[in-house]
Amino acid sequence: TVLLDGRPVRSCLMLAVQAEGGRLETVEGLAAGGELHALQRAFHD
């Protein structure tokens, strides 16, 4: 699961060409400025 234009999608079912021009967010994009996202901290805690 990744976010495409803010909505969760199953990236294994979607062709890369279908995401053309879209804004994707992956887990690597959750942390900002070296600080974990609230969800990442909570999963750890």
PDB file of all heavy atoms in Angstrom:
ATOM      1  N   THR A   1       0.821  -1.207   0.000  1.00  0.00           N
ATOM      2  CA  THR A   1       0.000   0.000   0.000  1.00  0.00           C
ATOM      3  C   THR A   1       0.859   1.262   0.000  1.00  0.00           C
ATOM      4  O   THR A   1       1.779   1.404   0.794  1.00  0.00           O
ATOM      5  CB  THR A   1      -0.944   0.013   1.212  1.00  0.00           C
ATOM      6  OG1 THR A   1      -1.764  -1.156   1.160  1.00  0.00           O
ATOM      7  CG2 THR A   1      -1.826   1.247   1.222  1.00  0.00           C
ATOM      8  N   VAL A   2       0.547   2.164  -0.918  1.00  0.00           N
ATOM      9  CA  VAL A   2       1.143   3.491  -0.994  1.00  0.00           C
ATOM     10  C   VAL A   2      -0.015   4.479  -1.166  1.00  0.00           C
ATOM     11  O   VAL A   2      -1.149   4.071  -1.425  1.00  0.00           O
ATOM     12  CB  VAL A   2       2.146   3.626  -2.171  1.00  0.00           C
ATOM     13  CG1 VAL A   2       3.313   2.656  -2.008  1.00  0.00           C
ATOM     14  CG2 VAL A   2       1.468   3.429  -3.511  1.00  0.00           C
ATOM     15  N   LEU A   3       0.278   5.755  -1.020  1.00  0.00           N
ATOM     16  CA  LEU A   3      -0.743   6.770  -1.264  1.00  0.00           C
ATOM     17  C   LEU A   3      -0.524   7.367  -2.644  1.00  0.00           C
ATOM     18  O   LEU A   3       0.588   7.766  -2.980  1.00  0.00           O
ATOM     19  CB  LEU A   3      -0.685   7.873  -0.207  1.00  0.00           C
ATOM     20  CG  LEU A   3      -0.894   7.434   1.244  1.00  0.00           C
ATOM     21  CD1 LEU A   3      -0.837   8.649   2.176  1.00  0.00           C
ATOM     22  CD2 LEU A   3      -2.184   6.671   1.424  1.00  0.00           C
ATOM     23  N   LEU A   4      -1.563   7.416  -3.430  1.00  0.00           N
ATOM     24  CA  LEU A   4      -1.544   8.053  -4.741  1.00  0.00           C
ATOM     25  C   LEU A   4      -2.559   9.181  -4.686  1.00  0.00           C
ATOM     26  O   LEU A   4      -3.749   8.929  -4.461  1.00  0.00           O
ATOM     27  CB  LEU A   4      -1.897   7.068  -5.852  1.00  0.00           C
ATOM     28  CG  LEU A   4      -2.031   7.646  -7.256  1.00  0.00           C
ATOM     29  CD1 LEU A   4      -0.727   8.273  -7.730  1.00  0.00           C
ATOM     30  CD2 LEU A   4      -2.493   6.567  -8.231  1.00  0.00           C
ATOM     31  N   ASP A   5      -2.067  10.401  -4.834  1.00  0.00           N
ATOM     32  CA  ASP A   5      -2.912  11.584  -4.703  1.00  0.00           C
ATOM     33  C   ASP A   5      -3.701  11.547  -3.393  1.00  0.00           C
ATOM     34  O   ASP A   5      -4.881  11.889  -3.347  1.00  0.00           O
ATOM     35  CB  ASP A   5      -3.841  11.730  -5.917  1.00  0.00           C
ATOM     36  CG  ASP A   5      -3.065  11.961  -7.199  1.00  0.00           C
ATOM     37  OD1 ASP A   5      -1.974  12.591  -7.131  1.00  0.00           O
ATOM     38  OD2 ASP A   5      -3.508  11.512  -8.272  1.00  0.00           O
ATOM     39  N   GLY A   6      -3.015  11.080  -2.332  1.00  0.00           N
ATOM     40  CA  GLY A   6      -3.582  11.075  -0.993  1.00  0.00           C
ATOM     41  C   GLY A   6      -4.431   9.878  -0.640  1.00  0.00           C
ATOM     42  O   GLY A   6      -4.863   9.748   0.504  1.00  0.00           O
ATOM     43  N   ARG A   7      -4.661   8.994  -1.585  1.00  0.00           N
ATOM     44  CA  ARG A   7      -5.528   7.847  -1.325  1.00  0.00           C
ATOM     45  C   ARG A   7      -4.728   6.544  -1.373  1.00  0.00           C
ATOM     46  O   ARG A   7      -3.895   6.363  -2.253  1.00  0.00           O
ATOM     47  CB  ARG A   7      -6.654   7.817  -2.327  1.00  0.00           C
ATOM     48  CG  ARG A   7      -7.467   9.134  -2.321  1.00  0.00           C
ATOM     49  CD  ARG A   7      -8.714   9.061  -3.133  1.00  0.00           C
ATOM     50  NE  ARG A   7      -9.637   8.048  -2.687  1.00  0.00           N
ATOM     51  CZ  ARG A   7     -10.574   8.228  -1.744  1.00  0.00           C
ATOM     52  NH1 ARG A   7     -10.681   9.384  -1.148  1.00  0.00           N
ATOM     53  NH2 ARG A   7     -11.389   7.255  -1.420  1.00  0.00           N
ATOM     54  N   PRO A   8      -5.016   5.616  -0.455  1.00  0.00           N
ATOM     55  CA  PRO A   8      -4.302   4.336  -0.465  1.00  0.00           C
ATOM     56  C   PRO A   8      -4.627   3.513  -1.708  1.00  0.00           C
ATOM     57  O   PRO A   8      -5.785   3.425  -2.119  1.00  0.00           O
ATOM     58  CB  PRO A   8      -4.830   3.623   0.785  1.00  0.00           C
ATOM     59  CG  PRO A   8      -5.469   4.673   1.616  1.00  0.00           C
ATOM     60  CD  PRO A   8      -5.941   5.731   0.669  1.00  0.00           C
ATOM     61  N   VAL A   9      -3.577   2.948  -2.308  1.00  0.00           N
ATOM     62  CA  VAL A   9      -3.729   2.037  -3.440  1.00  0.00           C
ATOM     63  C   VAL A   9      -2.804   0.846  -3.227  1.00  0.00           C
ATOM     64  O   VAL A   9      -1.772   0.948  -2.567  1.00  0.00           O
ATOM     65  CB  VAL A   9      -3.418   2.711  -4.803  1.00  0.00           C
ATOM     66  CG1 VAL A   9      -4.384   3.838  -5.102  1.00  0.00           C
ATOM     67  CG2 VAL A   9      -1.981   3.176  -4.881  1.00  0.00           C
ATOM     68  N   ARG A  10      -3.187  -0.268  -3.793  1.00  0.00           N
ATOM     69  CA  ARG A  10      -2.351  -1.462  -3.794  1.00  0.00           C
ATOM     70  C   ARG A  10      -1.417  -1.353  -4.997  1.00  0.00           C
ATOM     71  O   ARG A  10      -1.830  -1.538  -6.134  1.00  0.00           O
ATOM     72  CB  ARG A  10      -3.195  -2.723  -3.920  1.00  0.00           C
ATOM     73  CG  ARG A  10      -4.257  -2.871  -2.871  1.00  0.00           C
ATOM     74  CD  ARG A  10      -3.668  -3.304  -1.554  1.00  0.00           C
ATOM     75  NE  ARG A  10      -4.684  -4.004  -0.791  1.00  0.00           N
ATOM     76  CZ  ARG A  10      -4.902  -3.800   0.483  1.00  0.00           C
ATOM     77  NH1 ARG A  10      -4.177  -2.931   1.147  1.00  0.00           N
ATOM     78  NH2 ARG A  10      -5.832  -4.478   1.109  1.00  0.00           N
ATOM     79  N   SER A  11      -0.168  -1.074  -4.730  1.00  0.00           N
ATOM     80  CA  SER A  11       0.767  -0.821  -5.836  1.00  0.00           C
ATOM     81  C   SER A  11       1.128  -2.079  -6.609  1.00  0.00           C
ATOM     82  O   SER A  11       1.652  -1.977  -7.716  1.00  0.00           O
ATOM     83  CB  SER A  11       2.023  -0.118  -5.320  1.00  0.00           C
ATOM     84  OG  SER A  11       2.740  -0.940  -4.431  1.00  0.00           O
ATOM     85  N   CYS A  12       0.812  -3.258  -6.076  1.00  0.00           N
ATOM     86  CA  CYS A  12       1.079  -4.487  -6.824  1.00  0.00           C
ATOM     87  C   CYS A  12       0.016  -4.730  -7.891  1.00  0.00           C
ATOM     88  O   CYS A  12       0.245  -5.503  -8.821  1.00  0.00           O
ATOM     89  CB  CYS A  12       1.183  -5.695  -5.894  1.00  0.00           C
ATOM     90  SG  CYS A  12      -0.402  -6.295  -5.241  1.00  0.00           S
ATOM     91  N   LEU A  13      -1.129  -4.082  -7.756  1.00  0.00           N
ATOM     92  CA  LEU A  13      -2.214  -4.264  -8.724  1.00  0.00           C
ATOM     93  C   LEU A  13      -2.271  -3.161  -9.763  1.00  0.00           C
ATOM     94  O   LEU A  13      -3.040  -3.245 -10.714  1.00  0.00           O
ATOM     95  CB  LEU A  13      -3.571  -4.302  -8.001  1.00  0.00           C
ATOM     96  CG  LEU A  13      -3.806  -5.471  -7.072  1.00  0.00           C
ATOM     97  CD1 LEU A  13      -5.174  -5.353  -6.425  1.00  0.00           C
ATOM     98  CD2 LEU A  13      -3.660  -6.797  -7.805  1.00  0.00           C
ATOM     99  N   MET A  14      -1.489  -2.129  -9.563  1.00  0.00           N
ATOM    100  CA  MET A  14      -1.538  -0.964 -10.423  1.00  0.00           C
ATOM    101  C   MET A  14      -0.301  -0.938 -11.311  1.00  0.00           C
ATOM    102  O   MET A  14       0.810  -1.191 -10.847  1.00  0.00           O
ATOM    103  CB  MET A  14      -1.575   0.286  -9.544  1.00  0.00           C
ATOM    104  CG  MET A  14      -1.686   1.546 -10.275  1.00  0.00           C
ATOM    105  SD  MET A  14      -1.918   2.868  -9.068  1.00  0.00           S
ATOM    106  CE  MET A  14      -2.748   4.009 -10.105  1.00  0.00           C
ATOM    107  N   LEU A  15      -0.490  -0.624 -12.559  1.00  0.00           N
ATOM    108  CA  LEU A  15       0.651  -0.465 -13.445  1.00  0.00           C
ATOM    109  C   LEU A  15       1.285   0.894 -13.202  1.00  0.00           C
ATOM    110  O   LEU A  15       0.589   1.869 -12.909  1.00  0.00           O
ATOM    111  CB  LEU A  15       0.218  -0.596 -14.902  1.00  0.00           C
ATOM    112  CG  LEU A  15      -0.354  -1.955 -15.303  1.00  0.00           C
ATOM    113  CD1 LEU A  15      -0.882  -1.896 -16.727  1.00  0.00           C
ATOM    114  CD2 LEU A  15       0.668  -3.060 -15.130  1.00  0.00           C
ATOM    115  N   ALA A  16       2.590   0.956 -13.344  1.00  0.00           N
ATOM    116  CA  ALA A  16       3.296   2.219 -13.139  1.00  0.00           C
ATOM    117  C   ALA A  16       2.759   3.301 -14.073  1.00  0.00           C
ATOM    118  O   ALA A  16       2.609   4.452 -13.666  1.00  0.00           O
ATOM    119  CB  ALA A  16       4.798   2.027 -13.342  1.00  0.00           C
ATOM    120  N   VAL A  17       2.427   2.943 -15.307  1.00  0.00           N
ATOM    121  CA  VAL A  17       1.922   3.930 -16.256  1.00  0.00           C
ATOM    122  C   VAL A  17       0.593   4.523 -15.798  1.00  0.00           C
ATOM    123  O   VAL A  17       0.256   5.641 -16.163  1.00  0.00           O
ATOM    124  CB  VAL A  17       1.795   3.369 -17.693  1.00  0.00           C
ATOM    125  CG1 VAL A  17       3.162   3.014 -18.259  1.00  0.00           C
ATOM    126  CG2 VAL A  17       0.850   2.194 -17.748  1.00  0.00           C
ATOM    127  N   GLN A  18      -0.165   3.810 -14.979  1.00  0.00           N
ATOM    128  CA  GLN A  18      -1.433   4.332 -14.469  1.00  0.00           C
ATOM    129  C   GLN A  18      -1.213   5.450 -13.456  1.00  0.00           C
ATOM    130  O   GLN A  18      -2.124   6.232 -13.206  1.00  0.00           O
ATOM    131  CB  GLN A  18      -2.249   3.216 -13.825  1.00  0.00           C
ATOM    132  CG  GLN A  18      -2.781   2.202 -14.806  1.00  0.00           C
ATOM    133  CD  GLN A  18      -3.492   1.080 -14.099  1.00  0.00           C
ATOM    134  OE1 GLN A  18      -2.879   0.265 -13.424  1.00  0.00           O
ATOM    135  NE2 GLN A  18      -4.805   1.048 -14.250  1.00  0.00           N
ATOM    136  N   ALA A  19      -0.036   5.514 -12.874  1.00  0.00           N
ATOM    137  CA  ALA A  19       0.275   6.550 -11.887  1.00  0.00           C
ATOM    138  C   ALA A  19       0.896   7.787 -12.534  1.00  0.00           C
ATOM    139  O   ALA A  19       1.234   8.741 -11.837  1.00  0.00           O
ATOM    140  CB  ALA A  19       1.214   5.992 -10.819  1.00  0.00           C
ATOM    141  N   GLU A  20       1.024   7.780 -13.849  1.00  0.00           N
ATOM    142  CA  GLU A  20       1.600   8.895 -14.597  1.00  0.00           C
ATOM    143  C   GLU A  20       1.003  10.221 -14.127  1.00  0.00           C
ATOM    144  O   GLU A  20      -0.220  10.386 -14.075  1.00  0.00           O
ATOM    145  CB  GLU A  20       1.309   8.718 -16.092  1.00  0.00           C
ATOM    146  CG  GLU A  20       1.556   9.925 -16.947  1.00  0.00           C
ATOM    147  CD  GLU A  20       3.008  10.135 -17.309  1.00  0.00           C
ATOM    148  OE1 GLU A  20       3.812   9.229 -17.081  1.00  0.00           O
ATOM    149  OE2 GLU A  20       3.335  11.210 -17.816  1.00  0.00           O
ATOM    150  N   GLY A  21       1.880  11.140 -13.737  1.00  0.00           N
ATOM    151  CA  GLY A  21       1.440  12.466 -13.312  1.00  0.00           C
ATOM    152  C   GLY A  21       0.883  12.531 -11.903  1.00  0.00           C
ATOM    153  O   GLY A  21       0.543  13.608 -11.427  1.00  0.00           O
ATOM    154  N   GLY A  22       0.802  11.391 -11.224  1.00  0.00           N
ATOM    155  CA  GLY A  22       0.257  11.378  -9.869  1.00  0.00           C
ATOM    156  C   GLY A  22       1.307  11.710  -8.824  1.00  0.00           C
ATOM    157  O   GLY A  22       2.502  11.703  -9.091  1.00  0.00           O
ATOM    158  N   ARG A  23       0.825  12.032  -7.634  1.00  0.00           N
ATOM    159  CA  ARG A  23       1.715  12.312  -6.499  1.00  0.00           C
ATOM    160  C   ARG A  23       1.657  11.098  -5.578  1.00  0.00           C
ATOM    161  O   ARG A  23       0.614  10.797  -5.013  1.00  0.00           O
ATOM    162  CB  ARG A  23       1.280  13.571  -5.772  1.00  0.00           C
ATOM    163  CG  ARG A  23       1.396  14.812  -6.663  1.00  0.00           C
ATOM    164  CD  ARG A  23       1.158  16.099  -5.927  1.00  0.00           C
ATOM    165  NE  ARG A  23       2.158  16.375  -4.918  1.00  0.00           N
ATOM    166  CZ  ARG A  23       3.394  16.813  -5.159  1.00  0.00           C
ATOM    167  NH1 ARG A  23       3.777  17.014  -6.392  1.00  0.00           N
ATOM    168  NH2 ARG A  23       4.224  17.066  -4.176  1.00  0.00           N
ATOM    169  N   LEU A  24       2.803  10.459  -5.437  1.00  0.00           N
ATOM    170  CA  LEU A  24       2.908   9.257  -4.624  1.00  0.00           C
ATOM    171  C   LEU A  24       3.555   9.558  -3.289  1.00  0.00           C
ATOM    172  O   LEU A  24       4.431  10.420  -3.199  1.00  0.00           O
ATOM    173  CB  LEU A  24       3.761   8.213  -5.346  1.00  0.00           C
ATOM    174  CG  LEU A  24       3.135   7.617  -6.592  1.00  0.00           C
ATOM    175  CD1 LEU A  24       4.196   7.001  -7.466  1.00  0.00           C
ATOM    176  CD2 LEU A  24       2.090   6.599  -6.196  1.00  0.00           C
ATOM    177  N   GLU A  25       3.128   8.833  -2.282  1.00  0.00           N
ATOM    178  CA  GLU A  25       3.817   8.876  -0.999  1.00  0.00           C
ATOM    179  C   GLU A  25       4.038   7.446  -0.554  1.00  0.00           C
ATOM    180  O   GLU A  25       3.119   6.640  -0.528  1.00  0.00           O
ATOM    181  CB  GLU A  25       3.009   9.639   0.041  1.00  0.00           C
ATOM    182  CG  GLU A  25       3.779   9.835   1.330  1.00  0.00           C
ATOM    183  CD  GLU A  25       3.040  10.692   2.341  1.00  0.00           C
ATOM    184  OE1 GLU A  25       1.977  11.236   2.017  1.00  0.00           O
ATOM    185  OE2 GLU A  25       3.551  10.800   3.471  1.00  0.00           O
ATOM    186  N   THR A  26       5.289   7.149  -0.230  1.00  0.00           N
ATOM    187  CA  THR A  26       5.655   5.835   0.274  1.00  0.00           C
ATOM    188  C   THR A  26       6.071   5.987   1.729  1.00  0.00           C
ATOM    189  O   THR A  26       6.191   7.105   2.239  1.00  0.00           O
ATOM    190  CB  THR A  26       6.823   5.237  -0.540  1.00  0.00           C
ATOM    191  OG1 THR A  26       7.998   6.002  -0.291  1.00  0.00           O
ATOM    192  CG2 THR A  26       6.510   5.213  -2.038  1.00  0.00           C
ATOM    193  N   VAL A  27       6.327   4.882   2.369  1.00  0.00           N
ATOM    194  CA  VAL A  27       6.700   4.924   3.783  1.00  0.00           C
ATOM    195  C   VAL A  27       7.951   5.772   4.004  1.00  0.00           C
ATOM    196  O   VAL A  27       8.092   6.419   5.036  1.00  0.00           O
ATOM    197  CB  VAL A  27       6.848   3.499   4.359  1.00  0.00           C
ATOM    198  CG1 VAL A  27       8.071   2.787   3.787  1.00  0.00           C
ATOM    199  CG2 VAL A  27       6.828   3.514   5.870  1.00  0.00           C
ATOM    200  N   GLU A  28       8.830   5.831   3.000  1.00  0.00           N
ATOM    201  CA  GLU A  28      10.029   6.658   3.130  1.00  0.00           C
ATOM    202  C   GLU A  28       9.687   8.138   3.262  1.00  0.00           C
ATOM    203  O   GLU A  28      10.481   8.909   3.787  1.00  0.00           O
ATOM    204  CB  GLU A  28      10.952   6.463   1.915  1.00  0.00           C
ATOM    205  CG  GLU A  28      11.598   5.110   1.818  1.00  0.00           C
ATOM    206  CD  GLU A  28      10.811   4.104   0.994  1.00  0.00           C
ATOM    207  OE1 GLU A  28       9.616   4.346   0.717  1.00  0.00           O
ATOM    208  OE2 GLU A  28      11.387   3.067   0.639  1.00  0.00           O
ATOM    209  N   GLY A  29       8.520   8.537   2.785  1.00  0.00           N
ATOM    210  CA  GLY A  29       8.118   9.932   2.828  1.00  0.00           C
ATOM    211  C   GLY A  29       7.392  10.347   4.100  1.00  0.00           C
ATOM    212  O   GLY A  29       7.085  11.530   4.270  1.00  0.00           O
ATOM    213  N   LEU A  30       7.103   9.417   4.993  1.00  0.00           N
ATOM    214  CA  LEU A  30       6.383   9.778   6.220  1.00  0.00           C
ATOM    215  C   LEU A  30       7.227  10.620   7.164  1.00  0.00           C
ATOM    216  O   LEU A  30       6.756  11.607   7.706  1.00  0.00           O
ATOM    217  CB  LEU A  30       5.899   8.531   6.964  1.00  0.00           C
ATOM    218  CG  LEU A  30       4.622   7.870   6.468  1.00  0.00           C
ATOM    219  CD1 LEU A  30       4.278   6.677   7.337  1.00  0.00           C
ATOM    220  CD2 LEU A  30       3.468   8.850   6.421  1.00  0.00           C
ATOM    221  N   ALA A  31       8.445  10.211   7.400  1.00  0.00           N
ATOM    222  CA  ALA A  31       9.324  10.959   8.314  1.00  0.00           C
ATOM    223  C   ALA A  31       9.700  12.284   7.657  1.00  0.00           C
ATOM    224  O   ALA A  31       9.925  12.355   6.455  1.00  0.00           O
ATOM    225  CB  ALA A  31      10.573  10.153   8.634  1.00  0.00           C
ATOM    226  N   ALA A  32       9.743  13.327   8.456  1.00  0.00           N
ATOM    227  CA  ALA A  32      10.092  14.648   7.920  1.00  0.00           C
ATOM    228  C   ALA A  32      11.161  15.292   8.782  1.00  0.00           C
ATOM    229  O   ALA A  32      11.078  15.268  10.016  1.00  0.00           O
ATOM    230  CB  ALA A  32       8.846  15.547   7.869  1.00  0.00           C
ATOM    231  N   GLY A  33      12.163  15.847   8.143  1.00  0.00           N
ATOM    232  CA  GLY A  33      13.210  16.558   8.859  1.00  0.00           C
ATOM    233  C   GLY A  33      13.939  15.693   9.877  1.00  0.00           C
ATOM    234  O   GLY A  33      14.330  16.174  10.934  1.00  0.00           O
ATOM    235  N   GLY A  34      14.078  14.416   9.566  1.00  0.00           N
ATOM    236  CA  GLY A  34      14.785  13.524  10.473  1.00  0.00           C
ATOM    237  C   GLY A  34      13.959  13.053  11.660  1.00  0.00           C
ATOM    238  O   GLY A  34      14.457  12.315  12.510  1.00  0.00           O
ATOM    239  N   GLU A  35      12.702  13.456  11.720  1.00  0.00           N
ATOM    240  CA  GLU A  35      11.840  13.044  12.829  1.00  0.00           C
ATOM    241  C   GLU A  35      10.774  12.080  12.319  1.00  0.00           C
ATOM    242  O   GLU A  35      10.131  12.335  11.304  1.00  0.00           O
ATOM    243  CB  GLU A  35      11.162  14.265  13.470  1.00  0.00           C
ATOM    244  CG  GLU A  35      10.352  13.890  14.696  1.00  0.00           C
ATOM    245  CD  GLU A  35       9.748  15.099  15.388  1.00  0.00           C
ATOM    246  OE1 GLU A  35      10.329  16.192  15.300  1.00  0.00           O
ATOM    247  OE2 GLU A  35       8.688  14.929  16.002  1.00  0.00           O
ATOM    248  N   LEU A  36      10.595  10.990  13.044  1.00  0.00           N
ATOM    249  CA  LEU A  36       9.583  10.019  12.657  1.00  0.00           C
ATOM    250  C   LEU A  36       8.193  10.635  12.723  1.00  0.00           C
ATOM    251  O   LEU A  36       7.916  11.502  13.552  1.00  0.00           O
ATOM    252  CB  LEU A  36       9.631   8.798  13.581  1.00  0.00           C
ATOM    253  CG  LEU A  36      10.879   7.929  13.509  1.00  0.00           C
ATOM    254  CD1 LEU A  36      10.792   6.786  14.514  1.00  0.00           C
ATOM    255  CD2 LEU A  36      11.087   7.388  12.104  1.00  0.00           C
ATOM    256  N   HIS A  37       7.330  10.171  11.868  1.00  0.00           N
ATOM    257  CA  HIS A  37       5.921  10.557  11.877  1.00  0.00           C
ATOM    258  C   HIS A  37       5.269   9.968  13.130  1.00  0.00           C
ATOM    259  O   HIS A  37       5.733   8.964  13.686  1.00  0.00           O
ATOM    260  CB  HIS A  37       5.262  10.001  10.610  1.00  0.00           C
ATOM    261  CG  HIS A  37       3.849  10.435  10.408  1.00  0.00           C
ATOM    262  ND1 HIS A  37       2.796   9.809  11.021  1.00  0.00           N
ATOM    263  CD2 HIS A  37       3.323  11.422   9.650  1.00  0.00           C
ATOM    264  CE1 HIS A  37       1.670  10.388  10.645  1.00  0.00           C
ATOM    265  NE2 HIS A  37       1.966  11.379   9.817  1.00  0.00           N
ATOM    266  N   ALA A  38       4.195  10.584  13.578  1.00  0.00           N
ATOM    267  CA  ALA A  38       3.469  10.108  14.769  1.00  0.00           C
ATOM    268  C   ALA A  38       3.098   8.632  14.642  1.00  0.00           C
ATOM    269  O   ALA A  38       3.178   7.878  15.626  1.00  0.00           O
ATOM    270  CB  ALA A  38       2.213  10.948  14.986  1.00  0.00           C
ATOM    271  N   LEU A  39       2.723   8.190  13.458  1.00  0.00           N
ATOM    272  CA  LEU A  39       2.382   6.780  13.264  1.00  0.00           C
ATOM    273  C   LEU A  39       3.597   5.882  13.458  1.00  0.00           C
ATOM    274  O   LEU A  39       3.504   4.834  14.085  1.00  0.00           O
ATOM    275  CB  LEU A  39       1.782   6.559  11.871  1.00  0.00           C
ATOM    276  CG  LEU A  39       0.326   6.940  11.711  1.00  0.00           C
ATOM    277  CD1 LEU A  39      -0.045   7.067  10.238  1.00  0.00           C
ATOM    278  CD2 LEU A  39      -0.577   5.932  12.414  1.00  0.00           C
ATOM    279  N   GLN A  40       4.734   6.290  12.928  1.00  0.00           N
ATOM    280  CA  GLN A  40       5.946   5.484  13.077  1.00  0.00           C
ATOM    281  C   GLN A  40       6.343   5.368  14.547  1.00  0.00           C
ATOM    282  O   GLN A  40       6.706   4.289  15.022  1.00  0.00           O
ATOM    283  CB  GLN A  40       7.082   6.085  12.245  1.00  0.00           C
ATOM    284  CG  GLN A  40       6.822   5.982  10.755  1.00  0.00           C
ATOM    285  CD  GLN A  40       7.791   6.811   9.940  1.00  0.00           C
ATOM    286  OE1 GLN A  40       7.987   8.007  10.221  1.00  0.00           O
ATOM    287  NE2 GLN A  40       8.383   6.200   8.927  1.00  0.00           N
ATOM    288  N   ARG A  41       6.271   6.480  15.272  1.00  0.00           N
ATOM    289  CA  ARG A  41       6.594   6.445  16.707  1.00  0.00           C
ATOM    290  C   ARG A  41       5.624   5.543  17.458  1.00  0.00           C
ATOM    291  O   ARG A  41       6.026   4.752  18.309  1.00  0.00           O
ATOM    292  CB  ARG A  41       6.561   7.866  17.293  1.00  0.00           C
ATOM    293  CG  ARG A  41       7.737   8.727  16.901  1.00  0.00           C
ATOM    294  CD  ARG A  41       7.794  10.026  17.713  1.00  0.00           C
ATOM    295  NE  ARG A  41       6.603  10.843  17.578  1.00  0.00           N
ATOM    296  CZ  ARG A  41       6.401  11.725  16.603  1.00  0.00           C
ATOM    297  NH1 ARG A  41       7.316  11.900  15.666  1.00  0.00           N
ATOM    298  NH2 ARG A  41       5.289  12.434  16.555  1.00  0.00           N
ATOM    299  N   ALA A  42       4.350   5.677  17.135  1.00  0.00           N
ATOM    300  CA  ALA A  42       3.329   4.883  17.833  1.00  0.00           C
ATOM    301  C   ALA A  42       3.494   3.392  17.540  1.00  0.00           C
ATOM    302  O   ALA A  42       3.314   2.559  18.440  1.00  0.00           O
ATOM    303  CB  ALA A  42       1.936   5.364  17.456  1.00  0.00           C
ATOM    304  N   PHE A  43       3.820   3.041  16.314  1.00  0.00           N
ATOM    305  CA  PHE A  43       4.044   1.621  15.991  1.00  0.00           C
ATOM    306  C   PHE A  43       5.197   1.081  16.832  1.00  0.00           C
ATOM    307  O   PHE A  43       5.133  -0.033  17.350  1.00  0.00           O
ATOM    308  CB  PHE A  43       4.322   1.443  14.496  1.00  0.00           C
ATOM    309  CG  PHE A  43       3.099   1.132  13.680  1.00  0.00           C
ATOM    310  CD1 PHE A  43       2.025   2.009  13.637  1.00  0.00           C
ATOM    311  CD2 PHE A  43       3.007  -0.037  12.954  1.00  0.00           C
ATOM    312  CE1 PHE A  43       0.896   1.739  12.884  1.00  0.00           C
ATOM    313  CE2 PHE A  43       1.877  -0.331  12.201  1.00  0.00           C
ATOM    314  CZ  PHE A  43       0.822   0.562  12.160  1.00  0.00           C
ATOM    315  N   HIS A  44       6.243   1.873  16.979  1.00  0.00           N
ATOM    316  CA  HIS A  44       7.372   1.461  17.808  1.00  0.00           C
ATOM    317  C   HIS A  44       6.959   1.341  19.274  1.00  0.00           C
ATOM    318  O   HIS A  44       7.207   0.331  19.926  1.00  0.00           O
ATOM    319  CB  HIS A  44       8.529   2.451  17.649  1.00  0.00           C
ATOM    320  CG  HIS A  44       9.690   2.143  18.520  1.00  0.00           C
ATOM    321  ND1 HIS A  44       9.848   2.691  19.770  1.00  0.00           N
ATOM    322  CD2 HIS A  44      10.760   1.322  18.327  1.00  0.00           C
ATOM    323  CE1 HIS A  44      10.948   2.225  20.316  1.00  0.00           C
ATOM    324  NE2 HIS A  44      11.524   1.396  19.456  1.00  0.00           N
ATOM    325  N   ASP A  45       6.325   2.373  19.784  1.00  0.00           N
ATOM    326  CA  ASP A  45       5.970   2.425  21.200  1.00  0.00           C
ATOM    327  C   ASP A  45       4.961   1.370  21.613  1.00  0.00           C
ATOM    328  O   ASP A  45       4.959   0.932  22.758  1.00  0.00           O
ATOM    329  CB  ASP A  45       5.415   3.811  21.571  1.00  0.00           C
ATOM    330  CG  ASP A  45       6.456   4.910  21.446  1.00  0.00           C
ATOM    331  OD1 ASP A  45       7.672   4.603  21.344  1.00  0.00           O
ATOM    332  OD2 ASP A  45       6.038   6.092  21.423  1.00  0.00           O
TER     333      ASP A  45
END
